[in-house]
Amino acid sequence: MNFPPWLEQAIQVRLDEVSARIEHDPVLSRVREEKDEAFKGLFAGKDIEQTPEYTEWESRYIVSKGIENERLYMQGLRDGIQLTVSLLGQSMLEESNTKAHQPSNANP
């Protein structure tokens, strides 16, 4: 299904806004800092993937990405619900207006 260009642009603008907000989220910033600190410890060992530092970094990286993905998903869900409600409301309003302007077909 192809969306009209204006809708694709609106979706992209919204995604950019939400991504920027998540990028500056204080909780996520703290998690990223912890992940970055754990990453720095990686280079102290020779067999990086076998070190506890790597495991620590990998764990924090997964948590960080999980939080980002969860927030993007939840905002997308909220936006989708809001869009659906708006479209349904508009559709119901138009249907109501159409019925109000139709002549009645009552027989005498």
Protein backbone atom coordinates (compact mmCIF):
# COMPACT_ATOMS: atom_id res chain seq x y z
CA MET A 1 0.00 0.00 0.00
CA ASN A 2 1.46 3.33 -1.04
CA PHE A 3 0.73 6.40 1.01
CA PRO A 4 0.29 9.81 -0.59
CA PRO A 5 3.51 11.89 -0.51
CA TRP A 6 2.03 14.39 1.97
CA LEU A 7 1.26 11.56 4.42
CA GLU A 8 4.73 10.05 4.05
CA GLN A 9 6.23 13.48 4.73
CA ALA A 10 3.99 13.99 7.78
CA ILE A 11 5.00 10.56 9.14
CA GLN A 12 8.69 11.33 8.59
CA VAL A 13 8.41 14.72 10.33
CA ARG A 14 6.67 13.08 13.29
CA LEU A 15 9.28 10.32 13.46
CA ASP A 16 12.05 12.95 13.45
CA GLU A 17 10.33 14.86 16.28
CA VAL A 18 9.85 11.76 18.42
CA SER A 19 13.41 10.55 17.75
CA ALA A 20 14.80 13.95 18.79
CA ARG A 21 12.73 13.91 21.98
CA ILE A 22 13.91 10.40 22.83
CA GLU A 23 17.51 11.34 22.03
CA HIS A 24 17.38 14.02 24.77
CA ASP A 25 15.45 11.97 27.33
CA PRO A 26 17.24 12.21 30.72
CA VAL A 27 16.72 8.56 31.68
CA LEU A 28 17.93 7.32 28.34
CA SER A 29 20.89 9.72 28.48
CA ARG A 30 21.94 8.16 31.80
CA VAL A 31 21.62 4.65 30.37
CA ARG A 32 23.69 5.67 27.33
CA GLU A 33 26.40 7.15 29.56
CA GLU A 34 26.58 3.90 31.53
CA LYS A 35 26.77 1.97 28.26
CA ASP A 36 29.57 4.23 26.99
CA GLU A 37 31.54 3.79 30.23
CA ALA A 38 31.17 0.02 29.96
CA PHE A 39 32.34 0.22 26.32
CA LYS A 40 35.53 2.04 27.34
CA GLY A 41 36.43 -0.93 29.53
CA LEU A 42 36.35 -3.20 26.51
CA PHE A 43 39.75 -2.25 25.22
CA ALA A 44 41.63 -3.16 28.38
CA GLY A 45 41.44 -6.90 27.57
CA LYS A 46 42.92 -8.80 24.66
CA ASP A 47 40.07 -11.24 24.00
CA ILE A 48 37.37 -8.62 24.16
CA GLU A 49 34.33 -10.89 23.71
CA GLN A 50 35.38 -13.10 26.62
CA THR A 51 35.88 -10.28 29.11
CA PRO A 52 33.41 -9.27 31.80
CA GLU A 53 33.72 -5.70 30.51
CA TYR A 54 32.38 -6.78 27.12
CA THR A 55 29.50 -8.59 28.76
CA GLU A 56 28.76 -5.47 30.82
CA TRP A 57 28.87 -3.23 27.76
CA GLU A 58 26.74 -5.63 25.71
CA SER A 59 24.15 -5.80 28.48
CA ARG A 60 23.93 -2.03 28.78
CA TYR A 61 23.78 -1.64 24.99
CA ILE A 62 20.86 -4.05 24.77
CA VAL A 63 19.03 -2.22 27.58
CA SER A 64 19.66 1.14 25.88
CA LYS A 65 18.35 -0.06 22.51
CA GLY A 66 15.39 -1.74 24.20
CA ILE A 67 14.36 1.51 25.90
CA GLU A 68 14.71 3.45 22.65
CA ASN A 69 12.66 0.91 20.70
CA GLU A 70 9.98 0.71 23.38
CA ARG A 71 9.54 4.47 23.46
CA LEU A 72 9.44 4.73 19.68
CA TYR A 73 6.88 1.93 19.56
CA MET A 74 4.68 3.44 22.26
CA GLN A 75 4.73 6.88 20.65
CA GLY A 76 3.91 5.33 17.28
CA LEU A 77 1.04 3.46 18.88
CA ARG A 78 -0.27 6.66 20.49
CA ASP A 79 0.04 8.54 17.20
CA GLY A 80 -1.72 5.74 15.33
CA ILE A 81 -4.59 5.66 17.80
CA GLN A 82 -4.89 9.45 17.72
CA LEU A 83 -4.94 9.41 13.91
CA THR A 84 -7.56 6.64 13.85
CA VAL A 85 -9.79 8.47 16.33
CA SER A 86 -9.45 11.69 14.35
CA LEU A 87 -10.29 9.99 11.06
CA LEU A 88 -13.23 8.10 12.55
CA GLY A 89 -14.51 11.26 14.19
CA GLN A 90 -14.28 13.14 10.91
CA SER A 91 -15.98 10.27 9.07
CA MET A 92 -18.82 10.14 11.62
CA LEU A 93 -19.27 13.91 11.44
CA GLU A 94 -19.49 13.79 7.64
CA GLU A 95 -21.95 10.89 7.82
CA SER A 96 -24.07 12.76 10.33
CA ASN A 97 -24.09 15.88 8.14
CA THR A 98 -25.03 13.84 5.07
CA LYS A 99 -27.97 12.22 6.85
CA ALA A 100 -29.17 15.58 8.18
CA HIS A 101 -29.30 17.03 4.65
CA GLN A 102 -31.10 14.09 3.01
CA PRO A 103 -34.84 14.57 2.39
CA SER A 104 -37.02 12.16 4.31
CA ASN A 105 -38.80 9.51 2.26
CA ALA A 106 -41.91 9.23 4.44
CA ASN A 107 -45.05 8.17 2.52
CA PRO A 108 -48.37 9.96 3.40
